[in-house]
């Protein structure tokens, strides 16, 4: 079964939009989130590879992106109903969703996220995708701080969120498009990493000879 393929799984994920869960999420340490999601990502990627055995890595990556796009659209629909009052919660949740996506894509490309350097590169990817530039040096410790940086910079499109009900499909659309861009940036980055690794591996026998 693909990640978040069932309605029950999607609803369980959306329960994180409750005030209590969002507060907990906002105070969660980034390192803890990434390490926790790394374990889950291995399961998600393994299930995806099993379900689509003939798919290449890029196709599998897009399927991971599509999963998150569906969730992003749902979040946009919910937050759009509440208008600007829900904007910080929307940004917090979208930031969380992006980190999950980046973790999944990195795992698909066999990146070792137990490495502090790899986690730092992933956070920088998040920063570039949201118009922040590299964020690893600024060292946001918790997810709420990272979302606040996005809010201050305006990296996620906020047009349409000010109008309840009417804004819901607009917000859902922008969330969907943003997740697609984040996924594409991650694939470009990690494909380069993957090719460089393969090239270095191919050169070792030549150097030995």
N, C-alpha and C. Protein backbone atom coordinates (compact mmCIF):
# COMPACT_ATOMS: atom_id res chain seq x y z
N UNK A 1 0.85 -1.20 0.00
CA UNK A 1 0.00 0.00 0.00
C UNK A 1 0.88 1.24 0.00
N UNK A 2 0.60 2.18 -0.87
CA UNK A 2 1.40 3.40 -0.96
C UNK A 2 1.17 4.27 0.26
N UNK A 3 2.13 5.13 0.54
CA UNK A 3 2.05 6.02 1.68
C UNK A 3 0.82 6.91 1.59
N UNK A 4 0.05 6.97 2.70
CA UNK A 4 -1.16 7.78 2.77
C UNK A 4 -2.14 7.43 1.65
N UNK A 5 -2.18 6.14 1.28
CA UNK A 5 -3.03 5.74 0.18
C UNK A 5 -4.48 5.58 0.62
N UNK A 6 -4.72 5.32 1.88
CA UNK A 6 -6.07 5.12 2.36
C UNK A 6 -6.63 6.38 3.00
N UNK A 7 -7.96 6.46 3.01
CA UNK A 7 -8.62 7.62 3.62
C UNK A 7 -8.31 7.68 5.11
N UNK A 8 -8.26 6.52 5.75
CA UNK A 8 -7.99 6.47 7.19
C UNK A 8 -6.62 7.07 7.52
N UNK A 9 -5.61 6.75 6.69
CA UNK A 9 -4.27 7.28 6.92
C UNK A 9 -4.23 8.79 6.73
N UNK A 10 -4.96 9.26 5.74
CA UNK A 10 -4.99 10.71 5.49
C UNK A 10 -5.67 11.45 6.65
N UNK A 11 -6.76 10.88 7.12
CA UNK A 11 -7.47 11.50 8.24
C UNK A 11 -6.61 11.50 9.50
N UNK A 12 -5.88 10.42 9.71
CA UNK A 12 -5.00 10.35 10.87
C UNK A 12 -3.93 11.43 10.80
N UNK A 13 -3.42 11.65 9.59
CA UNK A 13 -2.40 12.69 9.41
C UNK A 13 -2.99 14.08 9.64
N UNK A 14 -4.22 14.29 9.17
CA UNK A 14 -4.86 15.59 9.30
C UNK A 14 -5.22 15.93 10.74
N UNK A 15 -5.25 14.93 11.61
CA UNK A 15 -5.53 15.20 13.02
C UNK A 15 -4.45 16.07 13.66
N UNK A 16 -3.30 16.13 13.00
CA UNK A 16 -2.23 16.98 13.50
C UNK A 16 -2.56 18.47 13.38
N UNK A 17 -3.67 18.78 12.72
CA UNK A 17 -4.08 20.18 12.58
C UNK A 17 -4.83 20.69 13.80
N UNK A 18 -5.05 19.85 14.81
CA UNK A 18 -5.72 20.32 16.02
C UNK A 18 -4.76 21.25 16.77
N UNK A 19 -5.29 22.23 17.51
CA UNK A 19 -4.42 23.18 18.24
C UNK A 19 -3.37 22.50 19.11
N UNK A 20 -3.78 21.46 19.84
CA UNK A 20 -2.85 20.78 20.74
C UNK A 20 -1.71 20.14 19.96
N UNK A 21 -2.05 19.46 18.85
CA UNK A 21 -1.03 18.79 18.04
C UNK A 21 -0.13 19.79 17.34
N UNK A 22 -0.69 20.91 16.89
CA UNK A 22 0.11 21.94 16.22
C UNK A 22 1.09 22.58 17.20
N UNK A 23 0.65 22.77 18.43
CA UNK A 23 1.54 23.33 19.44
C UNK A 23 2.70 22.39 19.70
N UNK A 24 2.39 21.10 19.80
CA UNK A 24 3.42 20.09 20.00
C UNK A 24 4.37 20.05 18.80
N UNK A 25 3.79 20.14 17.61
CA UNK A 25 4.58 20.10 16.39
C UNK A 25 5.51 21.30 16.29
N UNK A 26 4.99 22.47 16.67
CA UNK A 26 5.78 23.69 16.58
C UNK A 26 6.99 23.68 17.50
N UNK A 27 6.89 22.98 18.62
CA UNK A 27 8.00 22.93 19.57
C UNK A 27 8.91 21.72 19.37
N UNK A 28 8.61 20.92 18.36
CA UNK A 28 9.43 19.73 18.09
C UNK A 28 10.77 20.14 17.51
N UNK A 29 11.84 19.49 17.99
CA UNK A 29 13.17 19.78 17.47
C UNK A 29 13.33 19.21 16.06
N UNK A 30 13.96 20.00 15.20
CA UNK A 30 14.13 19.59 13.81
C UNK A 30 14.90 18.28 13.69
N UNK A 31 15.95 18.14 14.49
CA UNK A 31 16.75 16.93 14.42
C UNK A 31 15.91 15.71 14.79
N UNK A 32 15.03 15.87 15.78
CA UNK A 32 14.17 14.76 16.18
C UNK A 32 13.18 14.41 15.08
N UNK A 33 12.62 15.45 14.43
CA UNK A 33 11.66 15.22 13.34
C UNK A 33 12.32 14.46 12.20
N UNK A 34 13.50 14.92 11.79
CA UNK A 34 14.19 14.30 10.65
C UNK A 34 14.55 12.85 10.97
N UNK A 35 15.11 12.62 12.15
CA UNK A 35 15.51 11.26 12.51
C UNK A 35 14.30 10.34 12.64
N UNK A 36 13.23 10.87 13.19
CA UNK A 36 12.00 10.09 13.31
C UNK A 36 11.42 9.76 11.94
N UNK A 37 11.40 10.77 11.06
CA UNK A 37 10.86 10.55 9.72
C UNK A 37 11.77 9.70 8.86
N UNK A 38 13.07 9.70 9.17
CA UNK A 38 14.00 8.85 8.42
C UNK A 38 13.62 7.39 8.55
N UNK A 39 13.26 6.98 9.77
CA UNK A 39 12.84 5.59 10.00
C UNK A 39 11.57 5.29 9.21
N UNK A 40 10.62 6.20 9.25
CA UNK A 40 9.37 6.01 8.53
C UNK A 40 9.59 6.06 7.02
N UNK A 41 10.53 6.90 6.60
CA UNK A 41 10.79 7.05 5.16
C UNK A 41 11.31 5.74 4.56
N UNK A 42 12.12 5.02 5.32
CA UNK A 42 12.63 3.74 4.82
C UNK A 42 11.47 2.80 4.51
N UNK A 43 10.48 2.79 5.39
CA UNK A 43 9.31 1.94 5.19
C UNK A 43 8.50 2.41 3.99
N UNK A 44 8.30 3.73 3.90
CA UNK A 44 7.51 4.29 2.80
C UNK A 44 8.18 4.00 1.45
N UNK A 45 9.48 4.21 1.39
CA UNK A 45 10.21 4.00 0.13
C UNK A 45 10.22 2.51 -0.23
N UNK A 46 10.42 1.64 0.76
CA UNK A 46 10.44 0.20 0.50
C UNK A 46 9.08 -0.26 -0.04
N UNK A 47 8.01 0.26 0.53
CA UNK A 47 6.67 -0.11 0.07
C UNK A 47 6.42 0.39 -1.35
N UNK A 48 6.92 1.59 -1.62
CA UNK A 48 6.75 2.16 -2.96
C UNK A 48 7.52 1.36 -3.99
N UNK A 49 8.75 0.99 -3.67
CA UNK A 49 9.57 0.21 -4.60
C UNK A 49 8.96 -1.17 -4.84
N UNK A 50 8.34 -1.72 -3.80
CA UNK A 50 7.69 -3.02 -3.94
C UNK A 50 6.44 -2.92 -4.81
N UNK A 51 5.72 -1.82 -4.66
CA UNK A 51 4.49 -1.65 -5.42
C UNK A 51 4.76 -1.33 -6.89
N UNK A 52 5.85 -0.61 -7.14
CA UNK A 52 6.20 -0.24 -8.53
C UNK A 52 7.61 -0.74 -8.85
N UNK A 53 7.78 -2.04 -9.00
CA UNK A 53 9.13 -2.62 -9.18
C UNK A 53 9.82 -2.19 -10.47
N UNK A 54 9.05 -1.79 -11.48
CA UNK A 54 9.66 -1.40 -12.75
C UNK A 54 9.90 0.11 -12.86
N UNK A 55 9.49 0.84 -11.88
CA UNK A 55 9.64 2.30 -11.92
C UNK A 55 11.08 2.70 -11.64
N UNK A 56 11.58 3.71 -12.36
CA UNK A 56 12.91 4.20 -12.06
C UNK A 56 12.83 5.17 -10.88
N UNK A 57 13.99 5.64 -10.45
CA UNK A 57 14.05 6.46 -9.24
C UNK A 57 13.28 7.77 -9.39
N UNK A 58 13.38 8.37 -10.56
CA UNK A 58 12.67 9.64 -10.77
C UNK A 58 11.15 9.46 -10.70
N UNK A 59 10.66 8.38 -11.27
CA UNK A 59 9.22 8.13 -11.20
C UNK A 59 8.78 7.89 -9.76
N UNK A 60 9.58 7.14 -9.01
CA UNK A 60 9.25 6.89 -7.61
C UNK A 60 9.26 8.20 -6.82
N UNK A 61 10.22 9.06 -7.14
CA UNK A 61 10.29 10.36 -6.47
C UNK A 61 9.03 11.17 -6.73
N UNK A 62 8.55 11.15 -7.98
CA UNK A 62 7.34 11.90 -8.30
C UNK A 62 6.13 11.33 -7.57
N UNK A 63 6.11 10.03 -7.38
CA UNK A 63 5.01 9.44 -6.63
C UNK A 63 5.04 9.89 -5.17
N UNK A 64 6.22 10.04 -4.61
CA UNK A 64 6.35 10.57 -3.26
C UNK A 64 5.85 12.02 -3.21
N UNK A 65 6.21 12.78 -4.25
CA UNK A 65 5.76 14.17 -4.34
C UNK A 65 4.23 14.22 -4.45
N UNK A 66 3.67 13.35 -5.27
CA UNK A 66 2.21 13.35 -5.46
C UNK A 66 1.48 13.05 -4.16
N UNK A 67 2.03 12.15 -3.34
CA UNK A 67 1.43 11.87 -2.04
C UNK A 67 1.33 13.13 -1.20
N UNK A 68 2.42 13.89 -1.18
CA UNK A 68 2.45 15.09 -0.36
C UNK A 68 1.60 16.21 -0.96
N UNK A 69 1.52 16.23 -2.29
CA UNK A 69 0.67 17.22 -2.95
C UNK A 69 -0.79 17.03 -2.56
N UNK A 70 -1.22 15.79 -2.48
CA UNK A 70 -2.59 15.51 -2.07
C UNK A 70 -2.85 16.02 -0.66
N UNK A 71 -1.89 15.79 0.22
CA UNK A 71 -2.04 16.27 1.60
C UNK A 71 -1.98 17.79 1.64
N UNK A 72 -1.10 18.39 0.84
CA UNK A 72 -0.98 19.84 0.81
C UNK A 72 -2.27 20.49 0.34
N UNK A 73 -2.92 19.87 -0.62
CA UNK A 73 -4.20 20.38 -1.11
C UNK A 73 -5.26 20.32 -0.02
N UNK A 74 -5.25 19.24 0.76
CA UNK A 74 -6.21 19.09 1.85
C UNK A 74 -5.97 20.16 2.92
N UNK A 75 -4.70 20.38 3.23
CA UNK A 75 -4.36 21.40 4.22
C UNK A 75 -4.80 22.77 3.72
N UNK A 76 -4.59 23.03 2.44
CA UNK A 76 -4.99 24.31 1.87
C UNK A 76 -6.48 24.51 1.96
N UNK A 77 -7.24 23.45 1.71
CA UNK A 77 -8.69 23.55 1.80
C UNK A 77 -9.16 23.85 3.20
N UNK A 78 -8.54 23.21 4.18
CA UNK A 78 -8.92 23.42 5.58
C UNK A 78 -8.53 24.81 6.05
N UNK A 79 -7.27 25.21 5.80
CA UNK A 79 -6.81 26.50 6.28
C UNK A 79 -7.50 27.64 5.57
N UNK A 80 -7.82 27.45 4.30
CA UNK A 80 -8.49 28.50 3.56
C UNK A 80 -9.84 28.84 4.14
N UNK A 81 -10.53 27.87 4.71
CA UNK A 81 -11.83 28.11 5.32
C UNK A 81 -11.70 29.05 6.50
N UNK A 82 -10.59 28.97 7.23
CA UNK A 82 -10.42 29.79 8.41
C UNK A 82 -9.79 31.15 8.13
N UNK A 83 -9.37 31.37 6.91
CA UNK A 83 -8.82 32.66 6.55
C UNK A 83 -7.48 32.93 7.20
N UNK A 84 -7.17 34.19 7.40
CA UNK A 84 -5.86 34.58 7.91
C UNK A 84 -5.57 34.07 9.31
N UNK A 85 -6.60 33.79 10.09
CA UNK A 85 -6.40 33.30 11.45
C UNK A 85 -5.59 32.01 11.44
N UNK A 86 -5.79 31.20 10.41
CA UNK A 86 -5.13 29.90 10.33
C UNK A 86 -3.80 29.95 9.57
N UNK A 87 -3.38 31.12 9.13
CA UNK A 87 -2.18 31.20 8.29
C UNK A 87 -0.94 30.64 8.98
N UNK A 88 -0.64 31.02 10.23
CA UNK A 88 0.55 30.45 10.87
C UNK A 88 0.48 28.92 10.98
N UNK A 89 -0.71 28.39 11.30
CA UNK A 89 -0.86 26.94 11.41
C UNK A 89 -0.63 26.29 10.06
N UNK A 90 -1.12 26.92 9.01
CA UNK A 90 -0.94 26.40 7.66
C UNK A 90 0.54 26.35 7.31
N UNK A 91 1.27 27.41 7.62
CA UNK A 91 2.69 27.46 7.31
C UNK A 91 3.47 26.44 8.13
N UNK A 92 3.07 26.27 9.38
CA UNK A 92 3.72 25.28 10.24
C UNK A 92 3.54 23.88 9.66
N UNK A 93 2.31 23.57 9.27
CA UNK A 93 2.02 22.25 8.74
C UNK A 93 2.68 22.04 7.39
N UNK A 94 2.68 23.06 6.55
CA UNK A 94 3.33 22.95 5.25
C UNK A 94 4.84 22.77 5.40
N UNK A 95 5.43 23.44 6.38
CA UNK A 95 6.85 23.26 6.64
C UNK A 95 7.14 21.82 7.05
N UNK A 96 6.29 21.29 7.90
CA UNK A 96 6.42 19.90 8.34
C UNK A 96 6.30 18.95 7.15
N UNK A 97 5.32 19.22 6.30
CA UNK A 97 5.09 18.36 5.13
C UNK A 97 6.29 18.40 4.18
N UNK A 98 6.89 19.57 4.03
CA UNK A 98 8.07 19.68 3.17
C UNK A 98 9.24 18.88 3.73
N UNK A 99 9.42 18.92 5.03
CA UNK A 99 10.52 18.17 5.65
C UNK A 99 10.31 16.67 5.45
N UNK A 100 9.06 16.22 5.57
CA UNK A 100 8.77 14.81 5.32
C UNK A 100 9.11 14.46 3.88
N UNK A 101 8.70 15.31 2.95
CA UNK A 101 8.98 15.06 1.53
C UNK A 101 10.48 15.01 1.27
N UNK A 102 11.22 15.98 1.79
CA UNK A 102 12.67 16.00 1.58
C UNK A 102 13.33 14.77 2.19
N UNK A 103 12.84 14.34 3.34
CA UNK A 103 13.36 13.13 3.97
C UNK A 103 13.09 11.91 3.10
N UNK A 104 11.90 11.83 2.55
CA UNK A 104 11.54 10.71 1.67
C UNK A 104 12.43 10.67 0.43
N UNK A 105 12.58 11.82 -0.22
CA UNK A 105 13.37 11.86 -1.45
C UNK A 105 14.84 11.54 -1.16
N UNK A 106 15.36 12.09 -0.07
CA UNK A 106 16.75 11.80 0.30
C UNK A 106 16.93 10.30 0.57
N UNK A 107 15.97 9.71 1.24
CA UNK A 107 16.03 8.27 1.54
C UNK A 107 15.97 7.45 0.25
N UNK A 108 15.13 7.87 -0.67
CA UNK A 108 15.03 7.19 -1.97
C UNK A 108 16.37 7.19 -2.69
N UNK A 109 17.11 8.29 -2.56
CA UNK A 109 18.42 8.41 -3.22
C UNK A 109 19.57 7.92 -2.33
N UNK A 110 19.22 7.15 -1.29
CA UNK A 110 20.21 6.49 -0.43
C UNK A 110 21.11 7.46 0.33
N UNK A 111 20.58 8.60 0.69
CA UNK A 111 21.35 9.58 1.47
C UNK A 111 21.29 9.17 2.94
N UNK A 112 22.41 9.23 3.61
CA UNK A 112 22.47 8.88 5.03
C UNK A 112 22.12 10.09 5.90
N UNK A 113 20.87 10.20 6.29
CA UNK A 113 20.41 11.35 7.07
C UNK A 113 20.81 11.28 8.54
N UNK A 114 21.49 10.21 8.92
CA UNK A 114 22.06 10.19 10.27
C UNK A 114 23.26 11.11 10.35
N UNK A 115 23.79 11.45 9.19
CA UNK A 115 24.91 12.38 9.11
C UNK A 115 24.43 13.81 9.33
N UNK A 116 25.11 14.51 10.20
CA UNK A 116 24.74 15.91 10.48
C UNK A 116 24.88 16.76 9.22
N UNK A 117 25.90 16.47 8.42
CA UNK A 117 26.11 17.22 7.18
C UNK A 117 24.94 17.02 6.22
N UNK A 118 24.49 15.77 6.09
CA UNK A 118 23.37 15.47 5.19
C UNK A 118 22.09 16.16 5.65
N UNK A 119 21.88 16.19 6.96
CA UNK A 119 20.69 16.87 7.50
C UNK A 119 20.80 18.38 7.26
N UNK A 120 22.01 18.90 7.38
CA UNK A 120 22.21 20.32 7.12
C UNK A 120 21.94 20.68 5.67
N UNK A 121 22.38 19.82 4.75
CA UNK A 121 22.11 20.03 3.33
C UNK A 121 20.62 19.98 3.05
N UNK A 122 19.93 19.09 3.74
CA UNK A 122 18.49 18.97 3.54
C UNK A 122 17.76 20.23 4.02
N UNK A 123 18.20 20.77 5.15
CA UNK A 123 17.61 22.01 5.65
C UNK A 123 17.89 23.17 4.70
N UNK A 124 19.07 23.18 4.12
CA UNK A 124 19.39 24.22 3.13
C UNK A 124 18.49 24.09 1.91
N UNK A 125 18.19 22.85 1.51
CA UNK A 125 17.25 22.63 0.41
C UNK A 125 15.90 23.24 0.75
N UNK A 126 15.45 23.02 1.97
CA UNK A 126 14.20 23.60 2.43
C UNK A 126 14.27 25.13 2.31
N UNK A 127 15.39 25.70 2.73
CA UNK A 127 15.54 27.14 2.70
C UNK A 127 15.49 27.71 1.30
N UNK A 128 16.22 27.10 0.38
CA UNK A 128 16.21 27.57 -1.00
C UNK A 128 14.83 27.44 -1.63
N UNK A 129 14.13 26.36 -1.31
CA UNK A 129 12.80 26.13 -1.88
C UNK A 129 11.78 27.15 -1.37
N UNK A 130 12.07 27.76 -0.23
CA UNK A 130 11.14 28.73 0.35
C UNK A 130 11.65 30.17 0.29
N UNK A 131 12.66 30.39 -0.54
CA UNK A 131 13.18 31.75 -0.72
C UNK A 131 13.99 32.27 0.44
N UNK A 132 14.47 31.38 1.31
CA UNK A 132 15.24 31.80 2.49
C UNK A 132 16.74 31.75 2.25
N UNK A 133 17.17 31.01 1.23
CA UNK A 133 18.59 30.74 1.09
C UNK A 133 18.98 29.66 2.10
N UNK A 134 20.29 29.44 2.29
CA UNK A 134 20.71 28.38 3.23
C UNK A 134 20.28 28.73 4.65
N UNK A 135 19.68 27.77 5.34
CA UNK A 135 19.20 28.04 6.70
C UNK A 135 19.99 27.27 7.74
N UNK A 136 20.90 26.39 7.30
CA UNK A 136 21.62 25.55 8.25
C UNK A 136 22.45 26.39 9.22
N UNK A 137 23.07 27.44 8.71
CA UNK A 137 23.92 28.27 9.58
C UNK A 137 23.11 29.06 10.59
N UNK A 138 21.87 29.42 10.22
CA UNK A 138 21.02 30.15 11.16
C UNK A 138 20.48 29.22 12.24
N UNK A 139 20.63 27.92 12.01
CA UNK A 139 20.34 26.88 13.00
C UNK A 139 19.00 27.01 13.72
N UNK A 140 17.89 27.03 13.00
CA UNK A 140 16.60 26.98 13.69
C UNK A 140 16.48 25.63 14.39
N UNK A 141 16.21 25.65 15.68
CA UNK A 141 16.21 24.42 16.46
C UNK A 141 14.87 23.69 16.40
N UNK A 142 13.79 24.44 16.29
CA UNK A 142 12.47 23.81 16.31
C UNK A 142 11.68 24.17 15.06
N UNK A 143 10.67 23.36 14.77
CA UNK A 143 9.90 23.55 13.55
C UNK A 143 9.18 24.89 13.53
N UNK A 144 8.68 25.33 14.70
CA UNK A 144 7.98 26.61 14.77
C UNK A 144 8.85 27.76 14.33
N UNK A 145 10.13 27.73 14.70
CA UNK A 145 11.07 28.77 14.30
C UNK A 145 11.28 28.76 12.79
N UNK A 146 11.37 27.57 12.23
CA UNK A 146 11.56 27.45 10.79
C UNK A 146 10.35 28.00 10.04
N UNK A 147 9.15 27.67 10.52
CA UNK A 147 7.92 28.16 9.89
C UNK A 147 7.82 29.68 10.02
N UNK A 148 8.29 30.22 11.16
CA UNK A 148 8.26 31.66 11.37
C UNK A 148 9.17 32.37 10.38
N UNK A 149 10.31 31.75 10.06
CA UNK A 149 11.22 32.32 9.07
C UNK A 149 10.55 32.36 7.70
N UNK A 150 9.80 31.30 7.37
CA UNK A 150 9.07 31.26 6.10
C UNK A 150 8.01 32.35 6.06
N UNK A 151 7.30 32.52 7.18
CA UNK A 151 6.25 33.54 7.26
C UNK A 151 6.84 34.93 7.08
N UNK A 152 7.98 35.19 7.75
CA UNK A 152 8.62 36.50 7.66
C UNK A 152 9.10 36.80 6.25
N UNK A 153 9.62 35.76 5.58
CA UNK A 153 10.15 35.95 4.23
C UNK A 153 9.04 35.96 3.18
N UNK A 154 7.94 35.28 3.50
CA UNK A 154 6.85 35.20 2.53
C UNK A 154 7.12 34.20 1.43
N UNK A 155 7.91 33.14 1.76
CA UNK A 155 8.27 32.16 0.75
C UNK A 155 7.09 31.36 0.22
N UNK A 156 6.12 31.07 1.09
CA UNK A 156 4.92 30.38 0.63
C UNK A 156 3.90 31.41 0.21
N UNK A 157 3.26 31.18 -0.91
CA UNK A 157 2.30 32.13 -1.46
C UNK A 157 1.11 32.30 -0.53
N UNK A 158 0.81 33.55 -0.14
CA UNK A 158 -0.29 33.79 0.80
C UNK A 158 -1.52 34.38 0.12
N UNK A 159 -1.45 34.63 -1.18
CA UNK A 159 -2.58 35.21 -1.88
C UNK A 159 -3.81 34.30 -1.78
N UNK A 160 -4.93 34.88 -1.42
CA UNK A 160 -6.17 34.12 -1.36
C UNK A 160 -6.52 33.61 0.02
N UNK A 161 -5.54 33.58 0.93
CA UNK A 161 -5.84 33.06 2.25
C UNK A 161 -6.64 34.04 3.10
N UNK A 162 -6.72 35.27 2.67
CA UNK A 162 -7.44 36.28 3.44
C UNK A 162 -8.95 36.18 3.29
N UNK A 163 -9.42 35.43 2.30
CA UNK A 163 -10.86 35.37 2.04
C UNK A 163 -11.40 33.98 2.37
N UNK A 164 -12.05 33.83 3.51
CA UNK A 164 -12.58 32.51 3.88
C UNK A 164 -13.50 31.95 2.81
N UNK A 165 -13.56 30.61 2.75
CA UNK A 165 -14.41 29.85 1.83
C UNK A 165 -13.98 30.01 0.37
N UNK A 166 -14.01 31.25 -0.13
CA UNK A 166 -13.60 31.47 -1.52
C UNK A 166 -12.13 31.12 -1.70
N UNK A 167 -11.35 31.35 -0.64
CA UNK A 167 -9.90 31.15 -0.74
C UNK A 167 -9.49 29.69 -0.68
N UNK A 168 -10.36 28.82 -0.17
CA UNK A 168 -9.96 27.44 0.06
C UNK A 168 -9.36 26.76 -1.19
N UNK A 169 -10.03 26.77 -2.34
CA UNK A 169 -9.43 26.12 -3.51
C UNK A 169 -8.17 26.82 -4.00
N UNK A 170 -8.10 28.13 -3.80
CA UNK A 170 -6.91 28.88 -4.21
C UNK A 170 -5.72 28.47 -3.35
N UNK A 171 -5.94 28.41 -2.04
CA UNK A 171 -4.89 28.02 -1.12
C UNK A 171 -4.44 26.59 -1.40
N UNK A 172 -5.41 25.71 -1.63
CA UNK A 172 -5.09 24.32 -1.94
C UNK A 172 -4.22 24.24 -3.20
N UNK A 173 -4.54 25.04 -4.20
CA UNK A 173 -3.79 25.04 -5.45
C UNK A 173 -2.35 25.49 -5.22
N UNK A 174 -2.18 26.59 -4.49
CA UNK A 174 -0.83 27.10 -4.25
C UNK A 174 0.00 26.12 -3.41
N UNK A 175 -0.64 25.51 -2.41
CA UNK A 175 0.07 24.51 -1.60
C UNK A 175 0.54 23.36 -2.48
N UNK A 176 -0.33 22.91 -3.36
CA UNK A 176 -0.02 21.81 -4.27
C UNK A 176 1.17 22.16 -5.16
N UNK A 177 1.13 23.34 -5.75
CA UNK A 177 2.20 23.77 -6.65
C UNK A 177 3.52 23.94 -5.91
N UNK A 178 3.45 24.42 -4.68
CA UNK A 178 4.67 24.64 -3.92
C UNK A 178 5.35 23.31 -3.60
N UNK A 179 4.56 22.33 -3.19
CA UNK A 179 5.12 21.01 -2.90
C UNK A 179 5.78 20.42 -4.14
N UNK A 180 5.17 20.62 -5.30
CA UNK A 180 5.76 20.12 -6.55
C UNK A 180 7.13 20.75 -6.78
N UNK A 181 7.25 22.05 -6.56
CA UNK A 181 8.53 22.74 -6.76
C UNK A 181 9.58 22.24 -5.77
N UNK A 182 9.17 22.04 -4.53
CA UNK A 182 10.11 21.53 -3.51
C UNK A 182 10.61 20.15 -3.93
N UNK A 183 9.69 19.30 -4.37
CA UNK A 183 10.07 17.97 -4.80
C UNK A 183 11.03 17.99 -5.98
N UNK A 184 10.77 18.87 -6.95
CA UNK A 184 11.63 18.96 -8.13
C UNK A 184 13.03 19.42 -7.74
N UNK A 185 13.12 20.38 -6.84
CA UNK A 185 14.43 20.85 -6.39
C UNK A 185 15.19 19.74 -5.68
N UNK A 186 14.48 18.97 -4.86
CA UNK A 186 15.12 17.87 -4.13
C UNK A 186 15.62 16.80 -5.10
N UNK A 187 14.82 16.48 -6.11
CA UNK A 187 15.22 15.47 -7.09
C UNK A 187 16.46 15.93 -7.85
N UNK A 188 16.48 17.19 -8.28
CA UNK A 188 17.65 17.71 -9.00
C UNK A 188 18.90 17.62 -8.13
N UNK A 189 18.75 18.01 -6.87
CA UNK A 189 19.91 18.00 -5.96
C UNK A 189 20.41 16.58 -5.73
N UNK A 190 19.51 15.68 -5.38
CA UNK A 190 19.92 14.33 -5.02
C UNK A 190 20.28 13.48 -6.24
N UNK A 191 19.77 13.82 -7.40
CA UNK A 191 20.23 13.13 -8.61
C UNK A 191 21.69 13.49 -8.88
N UNK A 192 22.04 14.73 -8.64
CA UNK A 192 23.43 15.14 -8.78
C UNK A 192 24.31 14.42 -7.79
N UNK A 193 23.82 14.28 -6.56
CA UNK A 193 24.54 13.54 -5.53
C UNK A 193 24.73 12.09 -5.94
N UNK A 194 23.65 11.50 -6.48
CA UNK A 194 23.66 10.09 -6.89
C UNK A 194 24.64 9.87 -8.04
N UNK A 195 24.62 10.77 -9.03
CA UNK A 195 25.51 10.63 -10.18
C UNK A 195 26.97 10.81 -9.79
N UNK A 196 27.22 11.75 -8.88
CA UNK A 196 28.59 11.98 -8.42
C UNK A 196 29.11 10.74 -7.68
N UNK A 197 28.24 10.13 -6.89
CA UNK A 197 28.61 8.92 -6.16
C UNK A 197 28.92 7.78 -7.13
N UNK A 198 28.07 7.63 -8.16
CA UNK A 198 28.26 6.57 -9.14
C UNK A 198 29.56 6.79 -9.93
N UNK A 199 29.85 8.05 -10.27
CA UNK A 199 31.06 8.38 -11.02
C UNK A 199 32.30 8.06 -10.19
N UNK A 200 32.26 8.43 -8.92
CA UNK A 200 33.39 8.16 -8.05
C UNK A 200 33.61 6.66 -7.89
N UNK A 201 32.53 5.92 -7.81
CA UNK A 201 32.60 4.47 -7.66
C UNK A 201 33.19 3.83 -8.91
N UNK A 202 32.81 4.37 -10.08
CA UNK A 202 33.30 3.82 -11.35
C UNK A 202 34.79 4.11 -11.55
N UNK A 203 35.27 5.21 -10.97
CA UNK A 203 36.66 5.59 -11.16
C UNK A 203 37.62 4.83 -10.25
N UNK A 204 37.11 4.26 -9.20
CA UNK A 204 38.00 3.57 -8.24
C UNK A 204 38.79 2.42 -8.84
N UNK A 205 38.20 1.54 -9.66
CA UNK A 205 39.00 0.47 -10.27
C UNK A 205 40.09 1.00 -11.19
N UNK A 206 39.77 2.11 -11.90
CA UNK A 206 40.75 2.70 -12.83
C UNK A 206 41.93 3.25 -12.04
N UNK A 207 41.63 3.92 -10.93
CA UNK A 207 42.69 4.49 -10.12
C UNK A 207 43.56 3.40 -9.50
N UNK A 208 42.86 2.29 -9.12
CA UNK A 208 43.60 1.19 -8.51
C UNK A 208 44.55 0.53 -9.53
N UNK A 209 44.07 0.55 -10.80
CA UNK A 209 44.89 -0.05 -11.85
C UNK A 209 46.03 0.85 -12.24
